[in-house]
Amino acid sequence: EVQFLNSRGRTGLEQRLLSKGLKLHNFIPQKKLESFLREFYIRPDAANGYAASMLLTFSAWLEQYG
């Protein structure tokens, strides 16, 4: 997902996945998400981009409806 590769997209993705108190952390530990994002920015391929997009969607859904 190329929108995550610019500074604005990266900041938004990190806020939605790493901010303290997110419901997402009940399912995926914050440290694991931090590790995933480090790898994503080192090797931003289609598989990692799709995973980042799905994590973002899941996090947003949990905050809205979960």
Protein backbone atom coordinates (compact mmCIF):
# COMPACT_ATOMS: atom_id res chain seq x y z
CA GLU A 1 0.00 0.00 0.00
CA VAL A 2 1.91 3.00 -1.28
CA GLN A 3 0.00 5.54 0.82
CA PHE A 4 1.86 4.22 3.89
CA LEU A 5 5.25 5.03 2.39
CA ASN A 6 5.08 8.81 2.67
CA SER A 7 5.49 10.61 6.00
CA ARG A 8 1.79 11.44 6.40
CA GLY A 9 0.72 7.87 5.68
CA ARG A 10 3.37 6.44 7.95
CA THR A 11 2.32 8.69 10.83
CA GLY A 12 -1.33 7.74 10.41
CA LEU A 13 -0.57 4.03 10.21
CA GLU A 14 1.62 4.17 13.31
CA GLN A 15 -1.07 6.08 15.23
CA ARG A 16 -3.74 3.54 14.31
CA LEU A 17 -1.57 0.55 15.16
CA LEU A 18 0.71 1.68 17.99
CA SER A 19 -1.16 4.24 20.10
CA LYS A 20 -1.56 3.19 23.72
CA GLY A 21 -4.93 1.80 24.69
CA LEU A 22 -6.01 0.51 21.28
CA LYS A 23 -8.35 -2.48 21.31
CA LEU A 24 -6.11 -4.05 18.67
CA HIS A 25 -3.53 -4.72 21.39
CA ASN A 26 -5.96 -7.20 23.00
CA PHE A 27 -5.39 -9.38 19.91
CA ILE A 28 -1.87 -8.47 18.77
CA PRO A 29 0.77 -7.28 21.24
CA GLN A 30 2.10 -3.79 20.57
CA LYS A 31 5.69 -5.09 20.42
CA LYS A 32 4.73 -7.49 17.62
CA LEU A 33 3.10 -4.63 15.71
CA GLU A 34 6.22 -2.48 16.18
CA SER A 35 8.34 -5.31 14.81
CA PHE A 36 6.00 -5.78 11.85
CA LEU A 37 6.12 -2.07 10.98
CA ARG A 38 9.93 -2.00 11.18
CA GLU A 39 10.06 -4.89 8.72
CA PHE A 40 7.40 -3.30 6.51
CA TYR A 41 9.44 -0.11 6.12
CA ILE A 42 12.63 -2.08 5.45
CA ARG A 43 10.95 -4.32 2.85
CA PRO A 44 7.71 -2.72 1.63
CA ASP A 45 6.40 -5.43 -0.69
CA ALA A 46 2.86 -6.36 -1.73
CA ALA A 47 2.39 -8.97 1.00
CA ASN A 48 3.52 -6.62 3.78
CA GLY A 49 1.46 -3.79 2.31
CA TYR A 50 -1.66 -5.93 2.28
CA ALA A 51 -1.04 -7.03 5.87
CA ALA A 52 -0.55 -3.40 6.97
CA SER A 53 -3.79 -2.42 5.25
CA MET A 54 -5.72 -5.25 6.91
CA LEU A 55 -4.26 -4.41 10.34
CA LEU A 56 -5.31 -0.79 9.83
CA THR A 57 -8.83 -1.86 8.84
CA PHE A 58 -9.10 -4.23 11.80
CA SER A 59 -7.89 -1.58 14.23
CA ALA A 60 -10.29 1.04 12.89
CA TRP A 61 -13.17 -1.44 13.02
CA LEU A 62 -12.38 -2.42 16.61
CA GLU A 63 -12.29 1.20 17.72
CA GLN A 64 -15.60 1.95 15.99
CA TYR A 65 -17.59 -1.22 16.63
CA GLY A 66 -15.58 -3.59 18.82
